[in-house]
Protein backbone atom coordinates (compact mmCIF):
# COMPACT_ATOMS: atom_id res chain seq x y z
CA MET A 1 243.70 3.44 89.01
CA LEU A 2 242.61 6.90 90.02
CA PRO A 3 245.07 9.80 89.76
CA LYS A 4 246.53 10.81 93.11
CA THR A 5 244.85 14.19 92.93
CA THR A 6 241.40 12.66 92.59
CA ASN A 7 239.22 12.51 95.69
CA PHE A 8 235.93 10.70 96.13
CA PHE A 9 233.14 12.60 97.74
CA ILE A 10 229.53 11.98 98.55
CA LEU A 11 227.17 14.74 97.56
CA HIS A 12 224.50 15.07 100.23
CA PHE A 13 221.14 16.41 99.13
CA ASN A 14 217.54 15.72 99.96
CA PRO A 15 215.82 14.03 97.02
CA MET A 16 212.44 14.97 98.45
CA THR A 17 213.34 18.64 98.62
CA PRO A 18 210.63 20.63 96.81
CA ARG A 19 211.10 20.75 93.06
CA PRO A 20 211.88 24.46 92.68
CA LEU A 21 215.27 23.87 94.33
CA PHE A 22 216.26 21.91 91.26
CA ASN A 23 214.43 24.02 88.70
CA THR A 24 217.36 26.03 87.42
CA PRO A 25 219.39 25.28 84.29
CA THR A 26 222.66 25.26 86.25
CA CYS A 27 221.40 22.78 88.79
CA CYS A 28 219.82 20.54 86.15
CA LYS A 29 223.07 20.45 84.19
CA PHE A 30 225.05 19.81 87.34
CA LEU A 31 222.88 16.89 88.42
CA GLU A 32 222.96 15.39 84.94
CA GLN A 33 226.75 15.56 84.94
CA ILE A 34 227.57 14.04 88.29
CA ILE A 35 224.80 11.57 89.08
CA PRO A 36 225.58 8.18 87.58
CA ALA A 37 223.08 6.26 85.52
CA PRO A 38 220.92 4.08 87.79
CA SER A 39 221.48 0.40 88.11
CA GLU A 40 218.51 -1.93 87.82
CA LYS A 41 218.29 -1.99 91.60
CA GLN A 42 218.40 1.78 91.81
CA GLY A 43 215.89 2.15 89.03
CA LYS A 44 213.06 1.16 91.34
CA ASN A 45 213.68 4.22 93.47
CA LYS A 46 214.40 6.61 90.63
CA ARG A 47 212.25 9.71 90.35
CA GLN A 48 211.95 11.58 87.09
CA GLU A 49 210.98 15.22 87.06
CA THR A 50 210.79 17.98 84.53
CA GLY A 51 212.19 21.29 85.66
CA ARG A 52 210.55 24.66 85.29
CA HIS A 53 212.93 25.32 82.42
CA GLY A 54 211.75 22.21 80.61
CA ARG A 55 214.86 20.12 81.25
CA PRO A 56 214.29 16.66 82.70
CA PHE A 57 216.52 15.48 85.49
CA THR A 58 216.75 12.43 87.70
CA TYR A 59 217.61 12.08 91.34
CA PHE A 60 217.52 9.28 93.90
CA PRO A 61 216.46 8.85 97.52
CA SER A 62 220.11 8.43 98.45
CA GLN A 63 223.41 10.18 97.83
CA ALA A 64 225.15 11.09 94.62
CA ASN A 65 228.72 9.81 94.31
CA SER A 66 231.42 11.37 92.21
CA CYS A 67 235.12 12.09 92.22
CA CYS A 68 236.99 15.25 91.51
CA VAL A 69 240.33 16.92 90.92
CA ALA A 70 241.13 20.17 92.70
CA LYS A 71 242.13 22.69 90.05
CA ASP A 72 242.81 25.48 92.53
CA ASN A 73 241.48 26.78 95.83
CA ASN A 74 238.05 27.57 94.42
CA ARG A 75 237.49 25.17 91.56
CA LEU A 76 236.93 21.42 91.18
CA ALA A 77 236.99 19.32 88.03
CA PHE A 78 234.74 16.25 88.07
CA THR A 79 236.01 13.05 86.52
CA LYS A 80 234.34 10.02 85.02
CA TYR A 81 235.62 6.62 83.97
CA SER A 82 235.97 6.01 80.24
CA ALA A 83 235.38 2.33 79.59
CA GLY A 84 236.88 2.55 76.10
CA ASP A 85 240.16 4.09 77.23
CA LYS A 86 240.06 2.37 80.61
CA ALA A 87 240.98 5.65 82.24
CA TRP A 88 239.52 8.49 84.23
CA GLU A 89 238.97 11.70 82.34
CA GLU A 90 237.84 15.19 83.24
CA HIS A 91 234.41 16.07 81.95
CA SER A 92 233.26 19.20 83.77
CA GLU A 93 234.39 21.90 86.14
CA MET A 94 232.49 23.76 88.78
CA TRP A 95 233.28 26.64 91.10
CA MET A 96 232.90 25.81 94.76
CA SER A 97 230.40 28.63 95.14
CA THR A 98 228.19 27.03 92.49
CA LEU A 99 228.57 23.56 93.97
CA ALA A 100 227.56 24.88 97.37
CA ARG A 101 224.27 26.14 95.97
CA PHE A 102 222.96 22.61 95.53
CA ALA A 103 224.61 20.32 98.05
CA ARG A 104 227.34 19.86 100.59
CA PRO A 105 230.20 17.61 99.40
CA VAL A 106 231.94 15.39 101.95
CA PHE A 107 235.27 13.85 100.96
CA GLN A 108 235.78 10.15 101.54
CA ARG A 109 239.53 10.06 100.93
CA SER A 110 242.23 12.12 102.53
CA PRO A 111 242.18 15.24 100.37
CA SER A 112 245.12 17.24 99.20
CA PRO A 113 245.86 20.67 100.75
CA VAL A 114 244.38 22.35 97.70
CA VAL A 115 241.17 20.41 98.10
CA CYS A 116 241.09 21.31 101.79
CA LYS A 117 241.28 24.98 100.88
CA ALA A 118 238.56 24.55 98.29
CA MET A 119 236.33 22.82 100.81
CA LYS A 120 236.91 25.57 103.34
CA ALA A 121 235.82 28.04 100.71
CA CYS A 122 232.72 25.97 100.07
CA ARG A 123 231.83 25.72 103.75
CA ARG A 124 232.59 29.30 104.63
CA MET A 125 229.37 31.22 105.02
CA GLU A 126 229.68 34.65 103.51
CA LEU A 127 226.29 36.26 103.55
CA ARG A 128 227.43 38.73 100.99
CA ALA A 129 226.25 35.95 98.71
CA PRO A 130 223.16 36.50 96.55
CA SER A 131 220.92 34.17 98.53
CA PHE A 132 220.57 31.25 100.85
CA CYS A 133 220.29 27.87 99.20
CA MET A 134 218.78 24.84 100.79
CA THR A 135 220.65 21.62 101.46
CA PRO A 136 219.93 18.77 103.84
CA VAL A 137 221.20 19.29 107.33
CA HIS A 138 221.10 16.38 109.75
CA ILE A 139 220.37 17.17 113.37
CA ARG A 140 220.81 13.94 115.31
CA ARG A 141 219.57 11.91 112.37
CA HIS A 142 216.52 14.07 111.84
CA GLN A 143 216.66 15.56 108.39
CA THR A 144 215.72 19.15 107.84
CA LEU A 145 216.77 21.91 105.50
CA GLY A 146 219.54 24.39 106.14
CA SER A 147 221.71 26.87 104.32
CA ALA A 148 224.68 26.09 102.13
CA PRO A 149 227.75 28.28 102.20
CA MET A 150 228.21 30.51 99.22
CA PRO A 151 231.65 32.11 99.21
CA VAL A 152 232.10 35.48 97.62
CA ALA A 153 235.51 36.95 96.98
CA ALA A 154 236.39 40.28 98.56
CA HIS A 155 235.80 43.19 96.23
CA SER A 156 238.45 45.78 95.49
CA MET A 157 238.24 49.01 93.54
CA ARG A 158 240.38 49.93 90.58
CA HIS A 159 239.23 53.51 90.16
CA VAL A 160 236.59 55.95 91.39
CA ARG A 161 235.44 59.23 89.87
CA ALA A 162 232.68 61.80 90.19
CA LEU A 163 230.27 62.36 87.29
CA ASP A 164 229.29 65.91 88.19
CA GLU A 165 226.64 66.45 85.51
CA GLU A 166 224.77 63.28 86.44
CA ARG A 167 225.65 63.75 90.15
CA LEU A 168 226.79 60.13 90.33
CA MET A 169 229.93 58.50 91.68
CA ALA A 170 231.30 55.80 89.35
CA VAL A 171 233.28 52.90 90.81
CA GLU A 172 235.31 50.61 88.56
CA TRP A 173 235.96 47.25 90.19
CA GLU A 174 238.97 45.02 89.74
CA ASP A 175 236.76 42.39 88.11
CA GLY A 176 235.88 44.86 85.34
CA GLY A 177 232.42 45.78 86.58
CA GLN A 178 231.14 49.27 87.26
CA SER A 179 228.70 50.63 89.84
CA LEU A 180 227.03 54.03 90.05
CA TYR A 181 226.00 55.75 93.29
CA PRO A 182 223.99 58.99 93.59
CA PHE A 183 225.69 61.84 95.43
CA THR A 184 222.61 62.44 97.57
CA TRP A 185 222.43 58.81 98.68
CA LEU A 186 226.12 58.79 99.62
CA ARG A 187 225.78 61.95 101.69
CA ASP A 188 222.60 60.64 103.32
CA ASN A 189 224.42 57.46 104.37
CA CYS A 190 227.66 58.94 105.66
CA GLN A 191 228.92 56.60 108.38
CA CYS A 192 230.94 59.03 110.48
CA PRO A 193 230.04 59.49 114.19
CA ARG A 194 228.36 62.82 113.47
CA CYS A 195 226.00 61.26 110.93
CA THR A 196 225.51 57.77 112.38
CA LEU A 197 224.85 56.56 115.93
CA GLN A 198 227.32 53.71 115.74
CA SER A 199 226.06 51.78 118.78
CA ALA A 200 222.62 51.46 117.15
CA GLU A 201 223.63 51.66 113.49
CA ALA A 202 221.02 54.40 113.18
CA ARG A 203 221.10 57.61 111.16
CA LEU A 204 221.70 60.86 113.05
CA LEU A 205 221.70 63.11 110.00
CA LEU A 206 218.31 64.81 109.76
CA MET A 207 216.48 64.93 106.47
CA ALA A 208 216.02 68.67 107.00
CA ASP A 209 219.81 69.02 107.08
CA LEU A 210 220.47 66.95 103.97
CA ASP A 211 221.38 68.87 100.83
CA ILE A 212 219.59 66.79 98.20
CA HIS A 213 221.39 68.70 95.43
CA THR A 214 224.88 68.30 96.85
CA GLY A 215 227.97 68.03 94.71
CA MET A 216 231.42 66.62 95.55
CA ASP A 217 234.64 68.50 96.11
CA SER A 218 236.81 65.41 95.73
CA VAL A 219 236.71 61.62 95.74
CA GLU A 220 239.54 59.10 95.83
CA VAL A 221 240.48 55.53 96.68
CA THR A 222 242.59 55.46 99.84
CA LYS A 223 245.63 53.26 100.40
CA ASP A 224 243.56 50.80 102.41
CA GLY A 225 241.04 50.42 99.57
CA LYS A 226 238.26 52.64 100.84
CA VAL A 227 236.44 55.52 99.12
CA SER A 228 237.06 58.92 100.67
CA ILE A 229 234.72 61.79 99.75
CA VAL A 230 235.02 65.47 100.64
CA TRP A 231 231.73 67.36 100.34
CA PRO A 232 231.33 71.09 99.53
CA ASP A 233 230.96 71.94 103.25
CA GLN A 234 234.28 70.06 103.83
CA HIS A 235 232.55 67.20 105.64
CA MET A 236 234.31 63.89 104.93
CA SER A 237 232.71 60.48 104.33
CA VAL A 238 234.55 57.16 104.05
CA PHE A 239 233.02 53.96 102.66
CA ASP A 240 234.30 50.38 102.47
CA ALA A 241 234.40 48.67 99.09
CA GLU A 242 232.32 45.74 100.36
CA TRP A 243 229.70 48.06 101.80
CA LEU A 244 229.38 49.87 98.47
CA LYS A 245 229.39 46.72 96.36
CA LYS A 246 226.62 45.18 98.41
CA ARG A 247 224.50 48.29 97.99
CA CYS A 248 225.01 48.63 94.26
CA PHE A 249 221.91 49.94 92.49
CA SER A 250 221.95 47.34 89.72
CA ASP A 251 218.90 45.09 89.49
CA ALA A 252 220.92 41.98 90.37
CA ALA A 253 222.57 43.57 93.41
CA ARG A 254 219.30 44.96 94.75
CA GLN A 255 217.60 41.60 94.32
CA ALA A 256 220.48 39.84 96.09
CA MET A 257 220.34 42.27 99.00
CA GLN A 258 216.58 41.86 99.42
CA GLU A 259 216.89 38.09 99.35
CA GLU A 260 219.62 38.20 101.98
CA LEU A 261 217.57 40.45 104.24
CA PHE A 262 214.15 38.83 103.87
CA LEU A 263 214.70 35.33 102.41
CA ASN A 264 211.66 35.70 100.20
CA GLU A 265 212.41 32.73 97.96
CA ARG A 266 210.02 29.88 98.68
CA TYR A 267 210.15 26.19 97.84
CA TYR A 268 206.73 24.98 96.71
CA TRP A 269 205.53 21.48 97.48
CA ASP A 270 202.65 19.04 97.22
CA ALA A 271 201.61 15.74 98.80
CA THR A 272 205.05 14.21 98.13
CA LEU A 273 206.69 16.51 100.68
CA HIS A 274 208.65 14.86 103.47
CA ILE A 275 208.15 17.43 106.20
CA PRO A 276 211.52 18.64 107.55
CA GLN A 277 212.27 17.61 111.11
CA ALA A 278 214.51 18.82 113.92
CA ASP A 279 215.11 17.93 117.55
CA PHE A 280 213.24 20.11 120.03
CA GLN A 281 215.99 20.19 122.66
CA GLU A 282 218.70 20.98 120.13
CA VAL A 283 216.66 23.83 118.68
CA LEU A 284 216.35 25.26 122.20
CA HIS A 285 220.04 25.02 123.02
CA ASP A 286 222.02 25.01 119.76
CA ASP A 287 222.13 27.97 117.39
CA GLY A 288 223.03 25.76 114.43
CA ALA A 289 219.92 23.64 114.92
CA ALA A 290 217.82 26.75 115.48
CA LEU A 291 219.14 28.29 112.26
CA ALA A 292 218.35 25.18 110.23
CA TRP A 293 214.85 25.10 111.72
CA LEU A 294 214.10 28.76 111.02
CA LEU A 295 215.48 28.61 107.49
CA ALA A 296 213.32 25.61 106.67
CA LEU A 297 210.33 27.29 108.29
CA ARG A 298 210.89 30.32 106.05
CA ARG A 299 211.63 28.42 102.84
CA VAL A 300 209.36 25.38 103.07
CA GLY A 301 206.80 26.76 105.50
CA ILE A 302 206.47 23.79 107.84
CA VAL A 303 208.85 21.95 110.20
CA HIS A 304 208.23 19.22 112.77
CA LEU A 305 210.09 19.37 116.06
CA LYS A 306 210.45 16.02 117.80
CA GLY A 307 211.11 15.13 121.41
CA ALA A 308 209.31 17.83 123.38
CA PRO A 309 207.90 16.84 126.78
CA ALA A 310 204.23 15.88 126.47
CA GLU A 311 203.06 18.58 128.86
CA GLN A 312 201.83 22.15 128.65
CA GLY A 313 204.27 25.03 128.45
CA GLN A 314 206.52 23.78 125.65
CA VAL A 315 205.27 26.20 122.98
CA ALA A 316 206.05 29.04 125.38
CA ARG A 317 209.60 27.69 125.81
CA LEU A 318 209.98 27.50 122.05
CA ALA A 319 208.65 31.02 121.62
CA GLU A 320 211.16 32.31 124.19
CA ARG A 321 213.89 30.87 121.95
CA ILE A 322 212.76 33.41 119.36
CA GLY A 323 211.49 36.33 121.38
CA TYR A 324 207.94 36.52 122.66
CA LEU A 325 204.46 35.16 121.99
CA ARG A 326 201.77 37.01 120.09
CA LEU A 327 198.92 37.71 122.48
CA THR A 328 195.47 37.26 120.92
CA PHE A 329 191.92 37.11 122.20
CA TYR A 330 192.50 33.39 122.88
CA GLY A 331 195.43 34.17 125.19
CA HIS A 332 199.20 33.80 124.98
CA THR A 333 198.68 30.06 124.45
CA TRP A 334 195.49 28.11 123.93
CA GLN A 335 194.31 24.54 124.44
CA VAL A 336 192.80 22.72 121.45
CA GLN A 337 190.37 20.23 122.99
CA ASP A 338 186.82 19.03 122.51
CA LYS A 339 184.90 21.48 124.71
CA SER A 340 181.25 21.93 125.50
CA MET A 341 179.94 25.36 124.47
CA ALA A 342 183.00 25.76 122.25
CA ASN A 343 183.82 29.32 121.22
CA ASN A 344 185.78 28.09 118.19
CA VAL A 345 185.17 25.26 115.73
CA ALA A 346 188.68 23.98 116.52
CA TYR A 347 187.41 23.14 120.03
CA THR A 348 185.15 20.39 118.69
CA SER A 349 185.85 16.86 117.47
CA GLY A 350 184.57 17.53 113.97
CA LYS A 351 186.49 17.91 110.74
CA LEU A 352 188.27 21.22 110.21
CA SER A 353 188.51 22.30 106.59
CA LEU A 354 191.75 23.77 105.30
CA HIS A 355 192.18 27.30 106.62
CA THR A 356 194.55 29.95 107.86
CA ASP A 357 194.15 31.21 111.41
CA TYR A 358 192.77 34.61 112.28
CA PRO A 359 191.79 36.26 108.98
CA ALA A 360 189.35 38.15 111.21
CA LEU A 361 192.38 40.25 112.20
CA HIS A 362 193.75 42.76 109.71
CA PHE A 363 197.26 41.61 110.67
CA ALA A 364 197.05 37.87 111.24
CA PRO A 365 199.80 36.06 113.19
CA GLY A 366 202.59 34.95 110.86
CA VAL A 367 203.78 31.76 112.55
CA GLN A 368 201.88 29.11 114.49
CA PHE A 369 203.05 26.38 116.88
CA LEU A 370 200.91 23.34 117.72
CA HIS A 371 202.17 20.91 120.35
CA CYS A 372 200.61 17.46 120.67
CA ILE A 373 200.18 16.57 124.34
CA ASN A 374 197.72 13.74 123.76
CA GLN A 375 196.36 12.26 120.54
CA ALA A 376 192.96 10.72 119.88
CA LYS A 377 192.83 6.96 119.66
CA GLU A 378 190.95 7.15 116.38
CA GLY A 379 191.03 9.97 113.81
CA GLY A 380 192.44 13.46 114.28
CA GLU A 381 195.01 13.31 111.46
CA SER A 382 196.39 16.71 110.47
CA GLU A 383 196.36 18.10 106.93
CA ALA A 384 198.31 20.89 105.27
CA VAL A 385 198.62 22.44 101.82
CA ASP A 386 200.98 25.02 100.37
CA GLY A 387 198.66 27.98 99.83
CA PHE A 388 201.21 29.85 97.70
CA HIS A 389 201.62 26.84 95.44
CA MET A 390 197.86 26.42 95.20
CA ALA A 391 197.52 30.09 94.26
CA GLU A 392 200.09 29.59 91.52
CA GLN A 393 198.10 26.63 90.21
CA LEU A 394 194.91 28.69 90.30
CA GLN A 395 196.56 31.51 88.36
CA ARG A 396 197.73 29.03 85.74
CA GLU A 397 194.44 27.12 85.45
CA ASP A 398 191.92 29.90 86.01
CA PRO A 399 193.44 33.41 85.65
CA GLU A 400 190.06 35.10 86.08
CA ALA A 401 189.46 33.35 89.43
CA PHE A 402 192.94 34.39 90.55
CA ARG A 403 192.25 38.02 89.63
CA THR A 404 188.98 37.89 91.56
CA LEU A 405 190.53 36.55 94.76
CA THR A 406 193.44 38.99 94.60
CA SER A 407 191.23 42.03 94.09
CA LEU A 408 187.98 41.61 96.07
CA HIS A 409 187.94 42.25 99.82
CA VAL A 410 186.00 39.71 101.87
CA ASP A 411 184.50 40.24 105.34
CA PHE A 412 185.58 38.03 108.25
CA THR A 413 184.23 38.02 111.80
CA ASP A 414 184.98 36.36 115.14
CA THR A 415 182.92 36.86 118.30
CA GLY A 416 183.17 35.28 121.74
CA THR A 417 184.83 35.26 125.14
CA ASP A 418 188.17 33.70 126.06
CA TYR A 419 191.16 35.72 127.25
CA CYS A 420 188.63 38.53 127.17
CA ASP A 421 185.42 39.15 125.28
CA PHE A 422 185.87 40.09 121.63
CA MET A 423 183.94 41.09 118.54
CA LEU A 424 186.24 41.19 115.52
CA GLN A 425 185.59 42.43 112.00
CA SER A 426 188.06 42.64 109.14
CA LYS A 427 188.26 42.95 105.38
CA ASN A 428 190.90 40.89 103.63
CA ARG A 429 191.55 39.61 100.15
CA ILE A 430 191.68 35.81 100.01
CA ILE A 431 195.03 36.04 98.20
CA ASP A 432 197.30 39.00 98.93
CA VAL A 433 199.88 39.92 96.30
CA ASP A 434 202.60 42.56 96.21
CA SER A 435 203.15 45.25 93.59
CA GLU A 436 204.77 42.70 91.28
CA GLY A 437 201.90 40.21 91.58
CA LYS A 438 203.80 37.82 93.85
CA VAL A 439 201.66 36.04 96.46
CA THR A 440 202.49 37.25 99.97
CA ARG A 441 199.66 36.01 102.20
CA ILE A 442 196.59 33.78 102.21
CA ASN A 443 193.56 34.89 104.27
CA TYR A 444 190.94 32.17 104.36
CA ASN A 445 188.89 30.53 107.07
CA ASN A 446 185.48 29.32 105.97
CA ALA A 447 184.23 29.19 109.56
CA THR A 448 184.83 32.90 110.20
CA ARG A 449 183.97 34.19 106.72
CA ASP A 450 181.14 36.62 107.45
CA SER A 451 177.60 36.45 106.09
CA VAL A 452 178.10 40.13 105.36
CA LEU A 453 179.51 40.28 101.84
CA ASP A 454 180.31 43.84 100.89
CA LEU A 455 180.29 43.33 97.12
CA PRO A 456 178.18 44.71 94.30
CA LEU A 457 175.50 42.25 93.24
CA HIS A 458 177.19 41.44 89.93
CA GLN A 459 180.41 40.36 91.73
CA VAL A 460 178.82 37.91 94.17
CA GLN A 461 178.57 34.89 91.87
CA PRO A 462 182.05 35.41 90.34
CA PHE A 463 183.45 35.55 93.87
CA TYR A 464 181.85 32.24 94.85
CA ARG A 465 183.02 30.64 91.62
CA ALA A 466 186.60 31.84 92.19
CA LEU A 467 186.70 30.76 95.83
CA ARG A 468 185.32 27.33 94.99
CA ALA A 469 187.95 26.92 92.27
CA TYR A 470 190.71 27.71 94.77
CA VAL A 471 189.30 25.39 97.43
CA ASP A 472 188.91 22.57 94.91
CA ILE A 473 192.61 22.86 94.01
CA MET A 474 193.52 22.76 97.71
CA ASN A 475 191.50 19.61 98.28
CA ARG A 476 193.07 17.61 95.47
CA PRO A 477 194.73 14.53 97.03
CA GLU A 478 197.96 15.22 95.16
CA ASN A 479 198.26 18.57 96.95
CA VAL A 480 197.46 17.64 100.56
CA VAL A 481 200.06 16.41 103.05
CA THR A 482 198.50 14.27 105.78
CA TYR A 483 200.31 13.39 109.00
CA THR A 484 199.51 12.19 112.51
CA MET A 485 201.01 14.07 115.43
CA LYS A 486 202.28 12.04 118.35
CA PRO A 487 202.66 13.23 121.95
CA GLY A 488 205.81 15.33 122.09
CA ASP A 489 205.57 16.53 118.48
CA ILE A 490 205.42 20.25 117.74
CA VAL A 491 204.46 21.38 114.26
CA THR A 492 205.66 24.88 113.39
CA PHE A 493 204.32 26.51 110.25
CA ASP A 494 203.85 29.70 108.26
CA ASN A 495 200.29 30.85 108.94
CA TRP A 496 200.44 33.35 106.07
CA ARG A 497 201.19 30.58 103.60
CA LEU A 498 199.94 27.20 104.79
CA LEU A 499 196.33 26.20 105.11
CA HIS A 500 195.92 23.52 107.72
CA GLY A 501 193.05 21.28 108.73
CA ARG A 502 192.14 18.23 110.74
CA LYS A 503 190.12 15.09 110.20
CA SER A 504 187.33 14.37 112.66
CA TYR A 505 188.10 12.17 115.64
CA ILE A 506 186.29 10.19 118.31
CA SER A 507 186.44 11.95 121.66
CA ARG A 508 186.69 9.59 124.63
CA PRO A 509 187.04 10.48 128.33
CA ASP A 510 189.98 8.08 128.66
CA ARG A 511 191.78 9.41 125.56
CA LEU A 512 191.15 13.13 125.11
CA ARG A 513 192.91 14.76 122.20
CA HIS A 514 194.88 17.74 123.48
CA LEU A 515 197.04 20.20 121.55
CA GLU A 516 198.49 23.45 122.86
CA GLY A 517 198.92 26.30 120.39
CA ALA A 518 200.65 29.65 120.20
CA TYR A 519 201.36 32.41 117.68
CA LEU A 520 204.31 34.61 116.76
CA ASP A 521 204.77 37.35 114.19
CA TRP A 522 207.19 37.06 111.31
CA ASP A 523 209.02 40.21 112.40
CA GLU A 524 210.42 38.60 115.55
CA VAL A 525 210.98 35.25 113.82
CA MET A 526 213.05 36.88 111.07
CA SER A 527 214.89 38.95 113.68
CA ARG A 528 215.93 35.79 115.54
CA LEU A 529 216.86 34.08 112.27
CA ARG A 530 219.28 36.91 111.41
CA ILE A 531 220.77 36.81 114.91
CA VAL A 532 221.40 33.06 115.00
CA ARG A 533 222.71 33.26 111.43
CA ARG A 534 225.28 35.76 112.65
CA ASN A 535 226.03 33.65 115.74
CA VAL A 536 226.57 30.49 113.71
CA HIS A 537 228.57 31.98 110.88
CA GLY A 538 230.33 34.72 112.80
CA ASP A 539 230.17 38.38 111.98
CA ALA A 540 231.29 37.87 108.37
CA TRP A 541 227.77 38.50 107.06
CA ALA A 542 227.48 41.71 109.04
CA SER A 543 231.09 42.84 109.11
CA ASP A 544 230.57 45.16 106.19
CA LYS A 545 227.74 46.81 108.13
CA ARG A 546 230.08 47.62 111.00
CA SER A 547 233.52 48.01 109.45
CA HIS A 548 232.49 51.19 107.68
CA LEU A 549 231.75 53.00 110.93
CA HIS A 550 234.84 55.15 110.60
CA ARG A 551 235.94 57.69 113.16
CA LYS A 552 236.68 60.37 110.57
CA ILE A 553 234.75 63.62 110.26
């Protein structure tokens, strides 16, 4: 007999979600604790993996079942049945914020009021949280990946003081932590109407008017929990605690802020990926569906939209949901068909090797849409690989090849006539990395790689060796996802990350293969993601950006 306070729940998560989601010690431990040992019947479907941290864990193509006791509004204790004592006993506890990182629990019994409060905390989206975490979201039975709520308690200040010699303001928080803020930064970011255009959240204070050596006359915590600063010229600045906490200069806080703003964490995958799906009409008309789609597009890099009309114009409709199309020399949209006198290898019926689009531009389009209007009767299957994951494999297996492709600039060219006549030339590294060595973009299209190779003679052979090593990794069967698009399908993918290709097909007059394509840039895609995120979850994520716009001078 279960205790009255115990409530069954089903833990929903996608077992085919890319491995890195599970590759954290906390998640591994959590899964080991709550997922029951498989029965013989379940054992057939069991998948065993080894996490990045070396800890093995098991998960199933189903749901994990467990039961719990609500300890308070924010904490659950999981229970298990002890056969020896013939009783249920507690064996682990987890904060709702931690639970929400990995899956969304759904209670199967009528929960107690305390559990209800805990679940509300779990479901409440507070984007003050360190990052978005992926969980399955079902949109009319189509599974895709969305964001899990990660509640963060409101921060309050215990004490604030000025460190005049260091020219830093020290804040002591109620949780015992401390944050330091430079005087100059605080003055630069004063939120009063004289220093900030509140309607645009834009700075009015000119750099020429900023005293970069300013001191402080006084600083205090006000009765409503804000920081009030009086500067030497008697100007006053007021800051909210949440606003300051979020902009703390600690490594962890800065990393959390960057992740919230740019969602740079990626989930790597291989041929085992089940491509996330969403409904085309719901993405067009429902912000929740649009948010789940855009999050999966950012994290995984590829999402299928189902149910679009099998006629031209649908990629333009989808682009309008975000903002606007990227105009290129092939037009706002373009028709992928077998054409005589083709001005692009895509406009043939032959095989297309894995590539990114438009490396002949110095700033290639970030996102691509391809809509299947008609499919070939035979052949024409699509292929995709995770270029970031392949680069990671290359770095691990052949560091010298990785260094070559991240350092040498390669010439690309594209010449022809379409929307207008064009003659493009660019120089790009095959693998772009940031200052920390993290892969940010893949630039590779064998068809438009120029015969001009602006390299010293002694670097030519090492370049070919490195490129071949990378391509060989891409072409491994265990790395390539193959799928067949059907009329009405739209594949949306990250053109900076994915390399896509196509198998050859037989072109027949009565069954012409026809895809319509379009491009967008990541800037407008990320802009729309932030907007629908705010629409879906309210202004909580942005409230700290606005609540500090005080009317004091």
